[in-house]
Amino acid sequence: MHPLKHPRNAIFIGLVFVVISVVYWALPYFTHAHVDYAGVTMLAVLGIAMSLMFYVLIAGSQRD
């Protein structure tokens, strides 16, 4: 049994990390604190990588 019925739904797993990166950028930006752009970039790229990884794992696994 697959945790995701369609491999295209793996994008939502990666979107979690992209949303976290937006929050990680927005909080310091609007409170006039130091914004860590490297952290924001790494979280956004992590979201893309996680989406691709989950898509490959779910699309390549056997259907029960």
PDB file of N, CA and C in Angstrom:
ATOM      1  N   MET A   1       0.847  -1.180   0.000  1.00  0.00           N
ATOM      2  CA  MET A   1       0.000   0.000   0.000  1.00  0.00           C
ATOM      3  C   MET A   1       0.889   1.238   0.000  1.00  0.00           C
ATOM      4  N   HIS A   2       0.596   2.161  -0.878  1.00  0.00           N
ATOM      5  CA  HIS A   2       1.388   3.378  -0.997  1.00  0.00           C
ATOM      6  C   HIS A   2       0.853   4.459  -0.059  1.00  0.00           C
ATOM      7  N   PRO A   3       1.757   5.220   0.547  1.00  0.00           N
ATOM      8  CA  PRO A   3       1.291   6.335   1.372  1.00  0.00           C
ATOM      9  C   PRO A   3       0.664   7.447   0.529  1.00  0.00           C
ATOM     10  N   LEU A   4       1.081   7.563  -0.712  1.00  0.00           N
ATOM     11  CA  LEU A   4       0.495   8.534  -1.637  1.00  0.00           C
ATOM     12  C   LEU A   4      -0.086   7.770  -2.822  1.00  0.00           C
ATOM     13  N   LYS A   5      -1.323   8.040  -3.170  1.00  0.00           N
ATOM     14  CA  LYS A   5      -1.949   7.295  -4.255  1.00  0.00           C
ATOM     15  C   LYS A   5      -1.389   7.690  -5.617  1.00  0.00           C
ATOM     16  N   HIS A   6      -0.987   8.912  -5.785  1.00  0.00           N
ATOM     17  CA  HIS A   6      -0.446   9.390  -7.055  1.00  0.00           C
ATOM     18  C   HIS A   6       0.928   9.996  -6.826  1.00  0.00           C
ATOM     19  N   PRO A   7       1.896   9.650  -7.642  1.00  0.00           N
ATOM     20  CA  PRO A   7       3.237  10.225  -7.473  1.00  0.00           C
ATOM     21  C   PRO A   7       3.269  11.744  -7.589  1.00  0.00           C
ATOM     22  N   ARG A   8       2.325  12.328  -8.338  1.00  0.00           N
ATOM     23  CA  ARG A   8       2.335  13.783  -8.473  1.00  0.00           C
ATOM     24  C   ARG A   8       2.009  14.488  -7.157  1.00  0.00           C
ATOM     25  N   ASN A   9       1.428  13.785  -6.196  1.00  0.00           N
ATOM     26  CA  ASN A   9       1.130  14.374  -4.894  1.00  0.00           C
ATOM     27  C   ASN A   9       2.378  14.563  -4.038  1.00  0.00           C
ATOM     28  N   ALA A  10       3.513  14.077  -4.505  1.00  0.00           N
ATOM     29  CA  ALA A  10       4.761  14.252  -3.773  1.00  0.00           C
ATOM     30  C   ALA A  10       5.172  15.713  -3.718  1.00  0.00           C
ATOM     31  N   ILE A  11       4.645  16.531  -4.614  1.00  0.00           N
ATOM     32  CA  ILE A  11       4.971  17.957  -4.602  1.00  0.00           C
ATOM     33  C   ILE A  11       4.530  18.608  -3.297  1.00  0.00           C
ATOM     34  N   PHE A  12       3.461  18.109  -2.697  1.00  0.00           N
ATOM     35  CA  PHE A  12       2.970  18.692  -1.453  1.00  0.00           C
ATOM     36  C   PHE A  12       3.922  18.439  -0.291  1.00  0.00           C
ATOM     37  N   ILE A  13       4.656  17.361  -0.337  1.00  0.00           N
ATOM     38  CA  ILE A  13       5.659  17.092   0.689  1.00  0.00           C
ATOM     39  C   ILE A  13       6.781  18.130   0.596  1.00  0.00           C
ATOM     40  N   GLY A  14       7.209  18.429  -0.605  1.00  0.00           N
ATOM     41  CA  GLY A  14       8.238  19.442  -0.795  1.00  0.00           C
ATOM     42  C   GLY A  14       7.753  20.848  -0.498  1.00  0.00           C
ATOM     43  N   LEU A  15       6.467  21.101  -0.710  1.00  0.00           N
ATOM     44  CA  LEU A  15       5.924  22.424  -0.429  1.00  0.00           C
ATOM     45  C   LEU A  15       6.007  22.782   1.049  1.00  0.00           C
ATOM     46  N   VAL A  16       6.002  21.776   1.907  1.00  0.00           N
ATOM     47  CA  VAL A  16       6.145  22.039   3.344  1.00  0.00           C
ATOM     48  C   VAL A  16       7.458  22.771   3.612  1.00  0.00           C
ATOM     49  N   PHE A  17       8.538  22.325   2.992  1.00  0.00           N
ATOM     50  CA  PHE A  17       9.830  22.956   3.199  1.00  0.00           C
ATOM     51  C   PHE A  17       9.887  24.348   2.568  1.00  0.00           C
ATOM     52  N   VAL A  18       9.241  24.519   1.444  1.00  0.00           N
ATOM     53  CA  VAL A  18       9.220  25.830   0.803  1.00  0.00           C
ATOM     54  C   VAL A  18       8.429  26.821   1.664  1.00  0.00           C
ATOM     55  N   VAL A  19       7.326  26.382   2.251  1.00  0.00           N
ATOM     56  CA  VAL A  19       6.548  27.248   3.135  1.00  0.00           C
ATOM     57  C   VAL A  19       7.369  27.613   4.375  1.00  0.00           C
ATOM     58  N   ILE A  20       8.096  26.657   4.921  1.00  0.00           N
ATOM     59  CA  ILE A  20       8.957  26.939   6.067  1.00  0.00           C
ATOM     60  C   ILE A  20      10.025  27.957   5.688  1.00  0.00           C
ATOM     61  N   SER A  21      10.572  27.863   4.479  1.00  0.00           N
ATOM     62  CA  SER A  21      11.591  28.830   4.061  1.00  0.00           C
ATOM     63  C   SER A  21      11.003  30.222   3.904  1.00  0.00           C
ATOM     64  N   VAL A  22       9.767  30.326   3.453  1.00  0.00           N
ATOM     65  CA  VAL A  22       9.118  31.635   3.336  1.00  0.00           C
ATOM     66  C   VAL A  22       8.906  32.241   4.724  1.00  0.00           C
ATOM     67  N   VAL A  23       8.476  31.430   5.673  1.00  0.00           N
ATOM     68  CA  VAL A  23       8.312  31.913   7.048  1.00  0.00           C
ATOM     69  C   VAL A  23       9.667  32.297   7.635  1.00  0.00           C
ATOM     70  N   TYR A  24      10.694  31.493   7.355  1.00  0.00           N
ATOM     71  CA  TYR A  24      12.053  31.751   7.835  1.00  0.00           C
ATOM     72  C   TYR A  24      12.591  33.066   7.278  1.00  0.00           C
ATOM     73  N   TRP A  25      12.159  33.452   6.080  1.00  0.00           N
ATOM     74  CA  TRP A  25      12.555  34.728   5.491  1.00  0.00           C
ATOM     75  C   TRP A  25      11.682  35.870   6.009  1.00  0.00           C
ATOM     76  N   ALA A  26      10.373  35.635   6.117  1.00  0.00           N
ATOM     77  CA  ALA A  26       9.427  36.711   6.405  1.00  0.00           C
ATOM     78  C   ALA A  26       9.525  37.232   7.836  1.00  0.00           C
ATOM     79  N   LEU A  27       9.712  36.363   8.791  1.00  0.00           N
ATOM     80  CA  LEU A  27       9.752  36.819  10.180  1.00  0.00           C
ATOM     81  C   LEU A  27      10.865  37.827  10.434  1.00  0.00           C
ATOM     82  N   PRO A  28      12.120  37.542  10.086  1.00  0.00           N
ATOM     83  CA  PRO A  28      13.143  38.565  10.300  1.00  0.00           C
ATOM     84  C   PRO A  28      12.976  39.789   9.396  1.00  0.00           C
ATOM     85  N   TYR A  29      12.452  39.591   8.195  1.00  0.00           N
ATOM     86  CA  TYR A  29      12.292  40.702   7.259  1.00  0.00           C
ATOM     87  C   TYR A  29      11.308  41.736   7.795  1.00  0.00           C
ATOM     88  N   PHE A  30      10.189  41.268   8.320  1.00  0.00           N
ATOM     89  CA  PHE A  30       9.168  42.194   8.797  1.00  0.00           C
ATOM     90  C   PHE A  30       9.432  42.705  10.210  1.00  0.00           C
ATOM     91  N   THR A  31      10.302  42.045  10.964  1.00  0.00           N
ATOM     92  CA  THR A  31      10.673  42.532  12.299  1.00  0.00           C
ATOM     93  C   THR A  31      11.981  43.305  12.258  1.00  0.00           C
ATOM     94  N   HIS A  32      12.510  43.565  11.073  1.00  0.00           N
ATOM     95  CA  HIS A  32      13.740  44.331  10.853  1.00  0.00           C
ATOM     96  C   HIS A  32      14.947  43.703  11.549  1.00  0.00           C
ATOM     97  N   ALA A  33      15.010  42.398  11.517  1.00  0.00           N
ATOM     98  CA  ALA A  33      16.158  41.671  12.050  1.00  0.00           C
ATOM     99  C   ALA A  33      17.024  41.202  10.871  1.00  0.00           C
ATOM    100  N   HIS A  34      18.085  40.487  11.171  1.00  0.00           N
ATOM    101  CA  HIS A  34      18.985  39.984  10.133  1.00  0.00           C
ATOM    102  C   HIS A  34      18.342  38.794   9.423  1.00  0.00           C
ATOM    103  N   VAL A  35      18.263  38.863   8.105  1.00  0.00           N
ATOM    104  CA  VAL A  35      17.703  37.773   7.305  1.00  0.00           C
ATOM    105  C   VAL A  35      18.852  36.881   6.854  1.00  0.00           C
ATOM    106  N   ASP A  36      18.739  35.597   7.138  1.00  0.00           N
ATOM    107  CA  ASP A  36      19.750  34.620   6.726  1.00  0.00           C
ATOM    108  C   ASP A  36      19.357  34.069   5.353  1.00  0.00           C
ATOM    109  N   TYR A  37      19.871  34.701   4.300  1.00  0.00           N
ATOM    110  CA  TYR A  37      19.498  34.309   2.940  1.00  0.00           C
ATOM    111  C   TYR A  37      20.022  32.931   2.562  1.00  0.00           C
ATOM    112  N   ALA A  38      21.147  32.537   3.146  1.00  0.00           N
ATOM    113  CA  ALA A  38      21.672  31.203   2.862  1.00  0.00           C
ATOM    114  C   ALA A  38      20.725  30.135   3.409  1.00  0.00           C
ATOM    115  N   GLY A  39      20.186  30.357   4.592  1.00  0.00           N
ATOM    116  CA  GLY A  39      19.232  29.403   5.168  1.00  0.00           C
ATOM    117  C   GLY A  39      17.943  29.327   4.374  1.00  0.00           C
ATOM    118  N   VAL A  40      17.473  30.472   3.912  1.00  0.00           N
ATOM    119  CA  VAL A  40      16.254  30.501   3.101  1.00  0.00           C
ATOM    120  C   VAL A  40      16.469  29.733   1.800  1.00  0.00           C
ATOM    121  N   THR A  41      17.620  29.958   1.170  1.00  0.00           N
ATOM    122  CA  THR A  41      17.923  29.268  -0.080  1.00  0.00           C
ATOM    123  C   THR A  41      18.041  27.766   0.138  1.00  0.00           C
ATOM    124  N   MET A  42      18.718  27.371   1.197  1.00  0.00           N
ATOM    125  CA  MET A  42      18.889  25.934   1.472  1.00  0.00           C
ATOM    126  C   MET A  42      17.552  25.253   1.759  1.00  0.00           C
ATOM    127  N   LEU A  43      16.670  25.905   2.498  1.00  0.00           N
ATOM    128  CA  LEU A  43      15.363  25.310   2.768  1.00  0.00           C
ATOM    129  C   LEU A  43      14.524  25.194   1.501  1.00  0.00           C
ATOM    130  N   ALA A  44      14.577  26.194   0.642  1.00  0.00           N
ATOM    131  CA  ALA A  44      13.815  26.130  -0.612  1.00  0.00           C
ATOM    132  C   ALA A  44      14.348  25.025  -1.518  1.00  0.00           C
ATOM    133  N   VAL A  45      15.664  24.907  -1.621  1.00  0.00           N
ATOM    134  CA  VAL A  45      16.258  23.852  -2.445  1.00  0.00           C
ATOM    135  C   VAL A  45      16.000  22.479  -1.831  1.00  0.00           C
ATOM    136  N   LEU A  46      15.975  22.397  -0.499  1.00  0.00           N
ATOM    137  CA  LEU A  46      15.638  21.141   0.166  1.00  0.00           C
ATOM    138  C   LEU A  46      14.217  20.705  -0.188  1.00  0.00           C
ATOM    139  N   GLY A  47      13.304  21.652  -0.275  1.00  0.00           N
ATOM    140  CA  GLY A  47      11.928  21.334  -0.674  1.00  0.00           C
ATOM    141  C   GLY A  47      11.853  20.762  -2.071  1.00  0.00           C
ATOM    142  N   ILE A  48      12.616  21.331  -2.987  1.00  0.00           N
ATOM    143  CA  ILE A  48      12.649  20.815  -4.356  1.00  0.00           C
ATOM    144  C   ILE A  48      13.247  19.417  -4.386  1.00  0.00           C
ATOM    145  N   ALA A  49      14.336  19.223  -3.648  1.00  0.00           N
ATOM    146  CA  ALA A  49      14.989  17.913  -3.620  1.00  0.00           C
ATOM    147  C   ALA A  49      14.099  16.854  -2.982  1.00  0.00           C
ATOM    148  N   MET A  50      13.396  17.204  -1.920  1.00  0.00           N
ATOM    149  CA  MET A  50      12.507  16.241  -1.264  1.00  0.00           C
ATOM    150  C   MET A  50      11.349  15.857  -2.187  1.00  0.00           C
ATOM    151  N   SER A  51      10.817  16.819  -2.925  1.00  0.00           N
ATOM    152  CA  SER A  51       9.741  16.499  -3.870  1.00  0.00           C
ATOM    153  C   SER A  51      10.217  15.516  -4.927  1.00  0.00           C
ATOM    154  N   LEU A  52      11.388  15.773  -5.487  1.00  0.00           N
ATOM    155  CA  LEU A  52      11.927  14.864  -6.501  1.00  0.00           C
ATOM    156  C   LEU A  52      12.204  13.476  -5.922  1.00  0.00           C
ATOM    157  N   MET A  53      12.755  13.432  -4.717  1.00  0.00           N
ATOM    158  CA  MET A  53      13.065  12.149  -4.096  1.00  0.00           C
ATOM    159  C   MET A  53      11.793  11.337  -3.850  1.00  0.00           C
ATOM    160  N   PHE A  54      10.772  11.972  -3.272  1.00  0.00           N
ATOM    161  CA  PHE A  54       9.530  11.246  -3.011  1.00  0.00           C
ATOM    162  C   PHE A  54       8.853  10.811  -4.300  1.00  0.00           C
ATOM    163  N   TYR A  55       8.925  11.643  -5.338  1.00  0.00           N
ATOM    164  CA  TYR A  55       8.329  11.260  -6.614  1.00  0.00           C
ATOM    165  C   TYR A  55       9.014  10.015  -7.181  1.00  0.00           C
ATOM    166  N   VAL A  56      10.334   9.993  -7.154  1.00  0.00           N
ATOM    167  CA  VAL A  56      11.077   8.851  -7.689  1.00  0.00           C
ATOM    168  C   VAL A  56      10.814   7.601  -6.864  1.00  0.00           C
ATOM    169  N   LEU A  57      10.799   7.734  -5.544  1.00  0.00           N
ATOM    170  CA  LEU A  57      10.559   6.561  -4.694  1.00  0.00           C
ATOM    171  C   LEU A  57       9.168   5.999  -4.869  1.00  0.00           C
ATOM    172  N   ILE A  58       8.169   6.850  -4.959  1.00  0.00           N
ATOM    173  CA  ILE A  58       6.800   6.358  -5.064  1.00  0.00           C
ATOM    174  C   ILE A  58       6.489   5.882  -6.483  1.00  0.00           C
ATOM    175  N   ALA A  59       6.993   6.575  -7.489  1.00  0.00           N
ATOM    176  CA  ALA A  59       6.735   6.154  -8.872  1.00  0.00           C
ATOM    177  C   ALA A  59       7.449   4.858  -9.196  1.00  0.00           C
ATOM    178  N   GLY A  60       8.590   4.608  -8.576  1.00  0.00           N
ATOM    179  CA  GLY A  60       9.364   3.414  -8.880  1.00  0.00           C
ATOM    180  C   GLY A  60       9.031   2.213  -8.019  1.00  0.00           C
ATOM    181  N   SER A  61       8.210   2.380  -6.989  1.00  0.00           N
ATOM    182  CA  SER A  61       7.891   1.238  -6.129  1.00  0.00           C
ATOM    183  C   SER A  61       6.770   0.406  -6.739  1.00  0.00           C
ATOM    184  N   GLN A  62       6.682  -0.819  -6.297  1.00  0.00           N
ATOM    185  CA  GLN A  62       5.679  -1.736  -6.830  1.00  0.00           C
ATOM    186  C   GLN A  62       4.303  -1.393  -6.297  1.00  0.00           C
ATOM    187  N   ARG A  63       3.310  -1.634  -7.124  1.00  0.00           N
ATOM    188  CA  ARG A  63       1.914  -1.402  -6.710  1.00  0.00           C
ATOM    189  C   ARG A  63       1.368  -2.695  -6.111  1.00  0.00           C
ATOM    190  N   ASP A  64       0.801  -2.597  -4.930  1.00  0.00           N
ATOM    191  CA  ASP A  64       0.222  -3.781  -4.266  1.00  0.00           C
ATOM    192  C   ASP A  64      -1.252  -3.856  -4.479  1.00  0.00           C
TER     193      ASP A  64
END
